[in-house]
Amino acid sequence: MPSSRPDNSATRKRQPGDEPCDFAQLGLDFSAVSEYSIVPRKEMEIMNNELFETLENKVTDLLGKYAALKDENASLTEENQRFLAEREGLKTRVDAILDKLEGI
């Protein structure tokens, strides 16, 4: 029957000799710390530089596209104003023609 008392065996501090050194014995596949590859600092700097260059290129492209869209927007706004003015002129002409027809 399980006890309701807390198990204090897991909370006690382990001594270096307490834990098994052969992880395969436990069915675990751990590598020793010395087996991990550590990326040299120069390679990390090269990677960081490449990442910053890529980011810089993307930002430059984005700014170029923004400028192009801004110019296109200004052009389209100007064209829209021209069409609105033309529409008003045509509306005035149609109203004048309708007034002449009513007089006939």
C-alpha atoms as a PDB file:
ATOM      1  CA  MET A   1       0.000   0.000   0.000  1.00  0.00           C
ATOM      2  CA  PRO A   2       1.497   3.384  -0.977  1.00  0.00           C
ATOM      3  CA  SER A   3       2.455   5.709   1.787  1.00  0.00           C
ATOM      4  CA  SER A   4       1.058   9.240   2.030  1.00  0.00           C
ATOM      5  CA  ARG A   5       4.403  10.447   3.362  1.00  0.00           C
ATOM      6  CA  PRO A   6       6.571  12.353   0.878  1.00  0.00           C
ATOM      7  CA  ASP A   7       9.542  10.521  -0.572  1.00  0.00           C
ATOM      8  CA  ASN A   8      12.636  12.387   0.623  1.00  0.00           C
ATOM      9  CA  SER A   9      15.079  10.102  -1.156  1.00  0.00           C
ATOM     10  CA  ALA A  10      14.852  12.158  -4.385  1.00  0.00           C
ATOM     11  CA  THR A  11      15.527  15.434  -2.587  1.00  0.00           C
ATOM     12  CA  ARG A  12      18.748  14.408  -0.913  1.00  0.00           C
ATOM     13  CA  LYS A  13      21.930  15.693  -2.511  1.00  0.00           C
ATOM     14  CA  ARG A  14      23.722  13.224  -4.702  1.00  0.00           C
ATOM     15  CA  GLN A  15      27.359  12.569  -4.183  1.00  0.00           C
ATOM     16  CA  PRO A  16      29.610  12.246  -7.247  1.00  0.00           C
ATOM     17  CA  GLY A  17      30.001   8.532  -6.594  1.00  0.00           C
ATOM     18  CA  ASP A  18      26.225   7.926  -6.245  1.00  0.00           C
ATOM     19  CA  GLU A  19      25.215   8.125  -9.907  1.00  0.00           C
ATOM     20  CA  PRO A  20      26.254   5.513 -12.424  1.00  0.00           C
ATOM     21  CA  CYS A  21      28.802   6.605 -15.015  1.00  0.00           C
ATOM     22  CA  ASP A  22      27.687   4.116 -17.651  1.00  0.00           C
ATOM     23  CA  PHE A  23      24.484   5.586 -19.127  1.00  0.00           C
ATOM     24  CA  ALA A  24      24.153   2.668 -21.560  1.00  0.00           C
ATOM     25  CA  GLN A  25      23.570   0.511 -18.517  1.00  0.00           C
ATOM     26  CA  LEU A  26      20.420   2.554 -17.856  1.00  0.00           C
ATOM     27  CA  GLY A  27      19.272   2.297 -21.466  1.00  0.00           C
ATOM     28  CA  LEU A  28      19.996   5.969 -22.133  1.00  0.00           C
ATOM     29  CA  ASP A  29      22.032   7.325 -25.013  1.00  0.00           C
ATOM     30  CA  PHE A  30      23.907  10.296 -23.575  1.00  0.00           C
ATOM     31  CA  SER A  31      27.127  11.726 -24.904  1.00  0.00           C
ATOM     32  CA  ALA A  32      29.822  12.975 -22.634  1.00  0.00           C
ATOM     33  CA  VAL A  33      30.271  16.750 -22.565  1.00  0.00           C
ATOM     34  CA  SER A  34      33.664  16.478 -24.252  1.00  0.00           C
ATOM     35  CA  GLU A  35      31.995  14.831 -27.305  1.00  0.00           C
ATOM     36  CA  TYR A  36      29.839  17.865 -28.110  1.00  0.00           C
ATOM     37  CA  SER A  37      31.140  19.985 -30.941  1.00  0.00           C
ATOM     38  CA  ILE A  38      31.734  23.605 -30.077  1.00  0.00           C
ATOM     39  CA  VAL A  39      31.546  26.030 -32.978  1.00  0.00           C
ATOM     40  CA  PRO A  40      34.642  28.210 -33.073  1.00  0.00           C
ATOM     41  CA  ARG A  41      34.057  31.903 -32.495  1.00  0.00           C
ATOM     42  CA  LYS A  42      35.246  32.929 -35.978  1.00  0.00           C
ATOM     43  CA  GLU A  43      32.655  30.705 -37.638  1.00  0.00           C
ATOM     44  CA  MET A  44      29.948  32.212 -35.460  1.00  0.00           C
ATOM     45  CA  GLU A  45      31.085  35.708 -36.477  1.00  0.00           C
ATOM     46  CA  ILE A  46      30.976  34.691 -40.153  1.00  0.00           C
ATOM     47  CA  MET A  47      27.467  33.275 -39.658  1.00  0.00           C
ATOM     48  CA  ASN A  48      26.366  36.443 -37.871  1.00  0.00           C
ATOM     49  CA  ASN A  49      27.834  38.603 -40.635  1.00  0.00           C
ATOM     50  CA  GLU A  50      26.029  36.533 -43.266  1.00  0.00           C
ATOM     51  CA  LEU A  51      22.770  36.859 -41.341  1.00  0.00           C
ATOM     52  CA  PHE A  52      23.214  40.630 -41.029  1.00  0.00           C
ATOM     53  CA  GLU A  53      24.057  40.921 -44.739  1.00  0.00           C
ATOM     54  CA  THR A  54      20.944  38.932 -45.621  1.00  0.00           C
ATOM     55  CA  LEU A  55      18.847  41.092 -43.312  1.00  0.00           C
ATOM     56  CA  GLU A  56      20.408  44.256 -44.743  1.00  0.00           C
ATOM     57  CA  ASN A  57      19.632  43.096 -48.299  1.00  0.00           C
ATOM     58  CA  LYS A  58      16.042  42.349 -47.371  1.00  0.00           C
ATOM     59  CA  VAL A  59      15.613  45.736 -45.681  1.00  0.00           C
ATOM     60  CA  THR A  60      17.166  47.490 -48.700  1.00  0.00           C
ATOM     61  CA  ASP A  61      14.790  45.636 -51.042  1.00  0.00           C
ATOM     62  CA  LEU A  62      11.862  46.498 -48.798  1.00  0.00           C
ATOM     63  CA  LEU A  63      12.805  50.191 -48.775  1.00  0.00           C
ATOM     64  CA  GLY A  64      13.117  50.152 -52.568  1.00  0.00           C
ATOM     65  CA  LYS A  65       9.681  48.581 -52.928  1.00  0.00           C
ATOM     66  CA  TYR A  66       8.267  51.094 -50.432  1.00  0.00           C
ATOM     67  CA  ALA A  67       9.652  54.008 -52.445  1.00  0.00           C
ATOM     68  CA  ALA A  68       8.270  52.533 -55.691  1.00  0.00           C
ATOM     69  CA  LEU A  69       4.826  52.029 -54.122  1.00  0.00           C
ATOM     70  CA  LYS A  70       4.895  55.551 -52.706  1.00  0.00           C
ATOM     71  CA  ASP A  71       5.649  56.971 -56.181  1.00  0.00           C
ATOM     72  CA  GLU A  72       2.942  54.799 -57.739  1.00  0.00           C
ATOM     73  CA  ASN A  73       0.454  55.952 -55.105  1.00  0.00           C
ATOM     74  CA  ALA A  74       1.244  59.607 -55.838  1.00  0.00           C
ATOM     75  CA  SER A  75       0.854  58.962 -59.576  1.00  0.00           C
ATOM     76  CA  LEU A  76      -2.462  57.160 -59.099  1.00  0.00           C
ATOM     77  CA  THR A  77      -3.758  59.921 -56.810  1.00  0.00           C
ATOM     78  CA  GLU A  78      -2.889  62.501 -59.466  1.00  0.00           C
ATOM     79  CA  GLU A  79      -4.572  60.394 -62.171  1.00  0.00           C
ATOM     80  CA  ASN A  80      -7.650  59.974 -59.976  1.00  0.00           C
ATOM     81  CA  GLN A  81      -7.880  63.752 -59.501  1.00  0.00           C
ATOM     82  CA  ARG A  82      -7.615  64.215 -63.266  1.00  0.00           C
ATOM     83  CA  PHE A  83     -10.414  61.689 -63.868  1.00  0.00           C
ATOM     84  CA  LEU A  84     -12.624  63.373 -61.277  1.00  0.00           C
ATOM     85  CA  ALA A  85     -12.109  66.751 -62.949  1.00  0.00           C
ATOM     86  CA  GLU A  86     -12.836  65.220 -66.364  1.00  0.00           C
ATOM     87  CA  ARG A  87     -15.983  63.589 -64.966  1.00  0.00           C
ATOM     88  CA  GLU A  88     -17.206  66.931 -63.614  1.00  0.00           C
ATOM     89  CA  GLY A  89     -16.595  68.507 -67.036  1.00  0.00           C
ATOM     90  CA  LEU A  90     -18.557  65.753 -68.791  1.00  0.00           C
ATOM     91  CA  LYS A  91     -21.348  66.003 -66.234  1.00  0.00           C
ATOM     92  CA  THR A  92     -21.635  69.748 -66.930  1.00  0.00           C
ATOM     93  CA  ARG A  93     -21.750  69.128 -70.689  1.00  0.00           C
ATOM     94  CA  VAL A  94     -24.432  66.405 -70.329  1.00  0.00           C
ATOM     95  CA  ASP A  95     -26.522  68.705 -68.114  1.00  0.00           C
ATOM     96  CA  ALA A  96     -26.234  71.470 -70.744  1.00  0.00           C
ATOM     97  CA  ILE A  97     -27.347  69.075 -73.523  1.00  0.00           C
ATOM     98  CA  LEU A  98     -30.312  67.888 -71.405  1.00  0.00           C
ATOM     99  CA  ASP A  99     -31.334  71.503 -70.765  1.00  0.00           C
ATOM    100  CA  LYS A 100     -31.316  72.163 -74.558  1.00  0.00           C
ATOM    101  CA  LEU A 101     -33.400  69.060 -75.180  1.00  0.00           C
ATOM    102  CA  GLU A 102     -35.984  70.138 -72.589  1.00  0.00           C
ATOM    103  CA  GLY A 103     -36.317  73.455 -74.429  1.00  0.00           C
ATOM    104  CA  ILE A 104     -37.213  71.759 -77.687  1.00  0.00           C
END
